[in-house]
């Protein structure tokens, strides 16, 4: 199902983006020219009247976007796991001592070596979906890996490796 988002210019104020939920509720985000954002929930009986207006700081807006984005992605991965027997999803932290801190994802050769795939990286509240081989890891990154138990264990061992020659 496609969700339609309507954009409305608000002269002197900014822009409003609205969407209608499957349950029939209308909600929106007003992005003011000064950078402020308001989450708006419209009255179910009068879709043109705002029932609740919640101002969001930059940090709150970013946290809400992260929550929605991460939960959607992980929910999709969870649904995929239910459909494919033996397929697992796991989140693995890159330890500070890993030889891959500052190095490219492609340097791990994780998929070739283990059959498991790194499908996302969580960094400072941001979700980086489908990182390409040139993506560089940082200490504390959390990688989302999909594969068999053996493959996940292999990726864990690769990322934990602190031997610069190994």
C-alpha atoms as a PDB file:
ATOM      1  CA  UNK A   1       0.000   0.000   0.000  1.00  0.00           C
ATOM      2  CA  UNK A   2       1.332   3.431  -0.943  1.00  0.00           C
ATOM      3  CA  UNK A   3       0.949   6.215   1.572  1.00  0.00           C
ATOM      4  CA  UNK A   4       0.157   9.617   0.143  1.00  0.00           C
ATOM      5  CA  UNK A   5       1.837  12.586   1.770  1.00  0.00           C
ATOM      6  CA  UNK A   6       0.424  16.004   0.938  1.00  0.00           C
ATOM      7  CA  UNK A   7       2.700  19.026   1.071  1.00  0.00           C
ATOM      8  CA  UNK A   8       1.203  22.450   1.658  1.00  0.00           C
ATOM      9  CA  UNK A   9       3.129  25.722   1.585  1.00  0.00           C
ATOM     10  CA  UNK A  10       2.285  27.946   4.541  1.00  0.00           C
ATOM     11  CA  UNK A  11       3.237  31.487   3.443  1.00  0.00           C
ATOM     12  CA  UNK A  12       5.292  33.251   6.092  1.00  0.00           C
ATOM     13  CA  UNK A  13       5.387  30.091   8.229  1.00  0.00           C
ATOM     14  CA  UNK A  14       6.953  27.178   6.344  1.00  0.00           C
ATOM     15  CA  UNK A  15       5.654  23.876   5.000  1.00  0.00           C
ATOM     16  CA  UNK A  16       3.146  21.318   6.276  1.00  0.00           C
ATOM     17  CA  UNK A  17       3.263  17.627   5.376  1.00  0.00           C
ATOM     18  CA  UNK A  18       0.118  15.602   6.093  1.00  0.00           C
ATOM     19  CA  UNK A  19      -0.758  11.957   5.762  1.00  0.00           C
ATOM     20  CA  UNK A  20      -3.899   9.941   6.332  1.00  0.00           C
ATOM     21  CA  UNK A  21      -3.410   6.762   8.337  1.00  0.00           C
ATOM     22  CA  UNK A  22      -5.093   3.503   7.435  1.00  0.00           C
ATOM     23  CA  UNK A  23      -7.297   3.956  10.515  1.00  0.00           C
ATOM     24  CA  UNK A  24      -8.597   7.231   9.063  1.00  0.00           C
ATOM     25  CA  UNK A  25      -6.640   9.631  11.287  1.00  0.00           C
ATOM     26  CA  UNK A  26      -4.840  12.564   9.729  1.00  0.00           C
ATOM     27  CA  UNK A  27      -1.522  13.726  11.116  1.00  0.00           C
ATOM     28  CA  UNK A  28       1.080  16.152   9.967  1.00  0.00           C
ATOM     29  CA  UNK A  29       4.362  17.878  10.567  1.00  0.00           C
ATOM     30  CA  UNK A  30       4.698  21.641  10.266  1.00  0.00           C
ATOM     31  CA  UNK A  31       8.271  22.670   9.450  1.00  0.00           C
ATOM     32  CA  UNK A  32       8.618  26.343  10.302  1.00  0.00           C
ATOM     33  CA  UNK A  33      11.027  28.616   8.435  1.00  0.00           C
ATOM     34  CA  UNK A  34      12.913  29.213  11.701  1.00  0.00           C
ATOM     35  CA  UNK A  35      13.649  25.452  11.986  1.00  0.00           C
ATOM     36  CA  UNK A  36      10.988  24.608  14.566  1.00  0.00           C
ATOM     37  CA  UNK A  37       8.838  21.522  13.924  1.00  0.00           C
ATOM     38  CA  UNK A  38       5.380  20.711  15.230  1.00  0.00           C
ATOM     39  CA  UNK A  39       3.714  17.309  15.165  1.00  0.00           C
ATOM     40  CA  UNK A  40      -0.011  17.835  14.513  1.00  0.00           C
ATOM     41  CA  UNK A  41      -2.831  15.363  15.164  1.00  0.00           C
ATOM     42  CA  UNK A  42      -6.062  16.458  13.517  1.00  0.00           C
ATOM     43  CA  UNK A  43      -9.552  16.194  14.971  1.00  0.00           C
ATOM     44  CA  UNK A  44     -11.182  12.968  13.676  1.00  0.00           C
ATOM     45  CA  UNK A  45     -14.519  14.783  13.268  1.00  0.00           C
ATOM     46  CA  UNK A  46     -13.004  17.782  11.456  1.00  0.00           C
ATOM     47  CA  UNK A  47      -9.856  16.843   9.508  1.00  0.00           C
ATOM     48  CA  UNK A  48      -9.060  20.543   8.963  1.00  0.00           C
ATOM     49  CA  UNK A  49      -8.909  21.308  12.692  1.00  0.00           C
ATOM     50  CA  UNK A  50      -5.842  20.466  14.734  1.00  0.00           C
ATOM     51  CA  UNK A  51      -6.699  18.485  17.863  1.00  0.00           C
ATOM     52  CA  UNK A  52      -3.146  18.365  19.273  1.00  0.00           C
ATOM     53  CA  UNK A  53      -0.061  20.377  18.360  1.00  0.00           C
ATOM     54  CA  UNK A  54       3.207  19.088  19.826  1.00  0.00           C
ATOM     55  CA  UNK A  55       6.312  21.251  19.343  1.00  0.00           C
ATOM     56  CA  UNK A  56       9.475  19.175  18.844  1.00  0.00           C
ATOM     57  CA  UNK A  57      13.073  20.202  19.478  1.00  0.00           C
ATOM     58  CA  UNK A  58      15.670  19.127  16.918  1.00  0.00           C
ATOM     59  CA  UNK A  59      16.758  16.299  19.224  1.00  0.00           C
ATOM     60  CA  UNK A  60      13.153  15.145  19.752  1.00  0.00           C
ATOM     61  CA  UNK A  61      12.401  15.206  16.013  1.00  0.00           C
ATOM     62  CA  UNK A  62      15.585  13.251  15.304  1.00  0.00           C
ATOM     63  CA  UNK A  63      14.803  10.721  18.058  1.00  0.00           C
ATOM     64  CA  UNK A  64      11.256  10.231  16.738  1.00  0.00           C
ATOM     65  CA  UNK A  65      12.561   9.721  13.184  1.00  0.00           C
ATOM     66  CA  UNK A  66      15.140   7.228  14.471  1.00  0.00           C
ATOM     67  CA  UNK A  67      12.528   5.309  16.445  1.00  0.00           C
ATOM     68  CA  UNK A  68      10.176   5.087  13.481  1.00  0.00           C
ATOM     69  CA  UNK A  69      12.926   4.247  10.986  1.00  0.00           C
ATOM     70  CA  UNK A  70      14.699   1.664  13.130  1.00  0.00           C
ATOM     71  CA  UNK A  71      11.522  -0.036  14.318  1.00  0.00           C
ATOM     72  CA  UNK A  72      10.213  -0.250  10.753  1.00  0.00           C
ATOM     73  CA  UNK A  73      13.453  -1.721   9.433  1.00  0.00           C
ATOM     74  CA  UNK A  74      13.837  -4.194  12.294  1.00  0.00           C
ATOM     75  CA  UNK A  75      10.147  -5.150  12.002  1.00  0.00           C
ATOM     76  CA  UNK A  76      10.642  -5.889   8.312  1.00  0.00           C
ATOM     77  CA  UNK A  77      13.714  -7.983   9.099  1.00  0.00           C
ATOM     78  CA  UNK A  78      11.782  -9.819  11.802  1.00  0.00           C
ATOM     79  CA  UNK A  79       8.994 -10.617   9.325  1.00  0.00           C
ATOM     80  CA  UNK A  80      11.585 -11.869   6.855  1.00  0.00           C
ATOM     81  CA  UNK A  81      13.102 -14.097   9.542  1.00  0.00           C
ATOM     82  CA  UNK A  82       9.704 -15.720  10.145  1.00  0.00           C
ATOM     83  CA  UNK A  83       9.390 -16.496   6.430  1.00  0.00           C
ATOM     84  CA  UNK A  84      12.847 -18.030   6.021  1.00  0.00           C
ATOM     85  CA  UNK A  85      13.727 -21.006   8.219  1.00  0.00           C
ATOM     86  CA  UNK A  86      17.227 -20.758   9.630  1.00  0.00           C
ATOM     87  CA  UNK A  87      17.632 -17.077   8.766  1.00  0.00           C
ATOM     88  CA  UNK A  88      18.550 -14.960  11.784  1.00  0.00           C
ATOM     89  CA  UNK A  89      19.037 -11.261  12.463  1.00  0.00           C
ATOM     90  CA  UNK A  90      21.466  -9.987  15.044  1.00  0.00           C
ATOM     91  CA  UNK A  91      22.911  -6.658  16.150  1.00  0.00           C
ATOM     92  CA  UNK A  92      26.655  -6.673  16.799  1.00  0.00           C
ATOM     93  CA  UNK A  93      28.711  -3.823  18.267  1.00  0.00           C
ATOM     94  CA  UNK A  94      32.080  -2.937  16.730  1.00  0.00           C
ATOM     95  CA  UNK A  95      34.498  -3.047  19.691  1.00  0.00           C
ATOM     96  CA  UNK A  96      36.991  -0.176  20.055  1.00  0.00           C
ATOM     97  CA  UNK A  97      39.863  -2.652  19.604  1.00  0.00           C
ATOM     98  CA  UNK A  98      38.579  -4.099  16.338  1.00  0.00           C
ATOM     99  CA  UNK A  99      41.048  -3.863  13.475  1.00  0.00           C
ATOM    100  CA  UNK A 100      38.091  -2.696  11.333  1.00  0.00           C
ATOM    101  CA  UNK A 101      37.586   0.617  13.184  1.00  0.00           C
ATOM    102  CA  UNK A 102      38.250   3.249  10.523  1.00  0.00           C
ATOM    103  CA  UNK A 103      38.332   0.637   7.766  1.00  0.00           C
ATOM    104  CA  UNK A 104      35.877  -0.096   4.984  1.00  0.00           C
ATOM    105  CA  UNK A 105      33.066  -2.633   5.219  1.00  0.00           C
ATOM    106  CA  UNK A 106      34.443  -4.225   2.040  1.00  0.00           C
ATOM    107  CA  UNK A 107      37.733  -4.937   3.857  1.00  0.00           C
ATOM    108  CA  UNK A 108      35.908  -7.432   6.103  1.00  0.00           C
ATOM    109  CA  UNK A 109      34.826  -9.615   3.164  1.00  0.00           C
ATOM    110  CA  UNK A 110      32.123 -10.695   5.623  1.00  0.00           C
ATOM    111  CA  UNK A 111      29.594 -11.923   3.063  1.00  0.00           C
ATOM    112  CA  UNK A 112      32.221 -13.846   1.063  1.00  0.00           C
ATOM    113  CA  UNK A 113      33.774 -15.385   4.184  1.00  0.00           C
ATOM    114  CA  UNK A 114      30.570 -16.191   6.117  1.00  0.00           C
ATOM    115  CA  UNK A 115      27.542 -15.985   3.809  1.00  0.00           C
ATOM    116  CA  UNK A 116      25.985 -13.446   6.211  1.00  0.00           C
ATOM    117  CA  UNK A 117      25.183  -9.881   5.139  1.00  0.00           C
ATOM    118  CA  UNK A 118      25.593  -6.584   6.975  1.00  0.00           C
ATOM    119  CA  UNK A 119      22.303  -4.894   6.070  1.00  0.00           C
ATOM    120  CA  UNK A 120      22.463  -1.784   8.264  1.00  0.00           C
ATOM    121  CA  UNK A 121      24.647   0.135  10.688  1.00  0.00           C
ATOM    122  CA  UNK A 122      23.340   2.077  13.685  1.00  0.00           C
ATOM    123  CA  UNK A 123      25.576   5.044  14.559  1.00  0.00           C
ATOM    124  CA  UNK A 124      24.748   7.749  17.103  1.00  0.00           C
ATOM    125  CA  UNK A 125      20.998   7.209  16.669  1.00  0.00           C
ATOM    126  CA  UNK A 126      21.199   7.203  12.867  1.00  0.00           C
ATOM    127  CA  UNK A 127      20.293   4.144  10.791  1.00  0.00           C
ATOM    128  CA  UNK A 128      22.485   3.630   7.734  1.00  0.00           C
ATOM    129  CA  UNK A 129      20.602   1.136   5.581  1.00  0.00           C
ATOM    130  CA  UNK A 130      22.461  -1.044   3.061  1.00  0.00           C
ATOM    131  CA  UNK A 131      25.921   0.423   3.628  1.00  0.00           C
ATOM    132  CA  UNK A 132      28.111   0.024   0.548  1.00  0.00           C
ATOM    133  CA  UNK A 133      31.586  -1.572   0.576  1.00  0.00           C
ATOM    134  CA  UNK A 134      33.269   1.853   0.961  1.00  0.00           C
ATOM    135  CA  UNK A 135      31.411   2.555   4.256  1.00  0.00           C
ATOM    136  CA  UNK A 136      33.944   3.071   7.093  1.00  0.00           C
ATOM    137  CA  UNK A 137      33.287   1.620  10.539  1.00  0.00           C
ATOM    138  CA  UNK A 138      33.681   3.557  13.787  1.00  0.00           C
ATOM    139  CA  UNK A 139      34.103   2.198  17.304  1.00  0.00           C
ATOM    140  CA  UNK A 140      30.677   1.676  18.857  1.00  0.00           C
ATOM    141  CA  UNK A 141      28.863   1.204  15.537  1.00  0.00           C
ATOM    142  CA  UNK A 142      26.193  -1.476  15.792  1.00  0.00           C
ATOM    143  CA  UNK A 143      25.879  -3.590  12.665  1.00  0.00           C
ATOM    144  CA  UNK A 144      22.676  -5.424  11.768  1.00  0.00           C
ATOM    145  CA  UNK A 145      23.600  -8.778  10.262  1.00  0.00           C
ATOM    146  CA  UNK A 146      21.332 -11.304   8.521  1.00  0.00           C
ATOM    147  CA  UNK A 147      22.369 -14.909   8.000  1.00  0.00           C
ATOM    148  CA  UNK A 148      22.591 -18.379   9.493  1.00  0.00           C
ATOM    149  CA  UNK A 149      23.781 -18.935  13.068  1.00  0.00           C
ATOM    150  CA  UNK A 150      27.165 -20.014  11.691  1.00  0.00           C
ATOM    151  CA  UNK A 151      27.353 -16.921   9.465  1.00  0.00           C
ATOM    152  CA  UNK A 152      26.465 -14.552  12.331  1.00  0.00           C
ATOM    153  CA  UNK A 153      29.095 -16.166  14.541  1.00  0.00           C
ATOM    154  CA  UNK A 154      31.611 -15.722  11.728  1.00  0.00           C
ATOM    155  CA  UNK A 155      30.847 -12.011  11.346  1.00  0.00           C
ATOM    156  CA  UNK A 156      31.108 -11.600  15.133  1.00  0.00           C
ATOM    157  CA  UNK A 157      34.594 -13.158  15.042  1.00  0.00           C
ATOM    158  CA  UNK A 158      35.660 -11.006  12.087  1.00  0.00           C
ATOM    159  CA  UNK A 159      34.552  -7.734  13.709  1.00  0.00           C
ATOM    160  CA  UNK A 160      36.065  -8.668  17.088  1.00  0.00           C
ATOM    161  CA  UNK A 161      39.470  -9.389  15.501  1.00  0.00           C
ATOM    162  CA  UNK A 162      42.035  -6.991  16.949  1.00  0.00           C
ATOM    163  CA  UNK A 163      45.055  -8.475  15.133  1.00  0.00           C
ATOM    164  CA  UNK A 164      46.052  -5.974  12.420  1.00  0.00           C
ATOM    165  CA  UNK A 165      47.757  -8.790  10.484  1.00  0.00           C
ATOM    166  CA  UNK A 166      44.994 -11.401  10.882  1.00  0.00           C
END
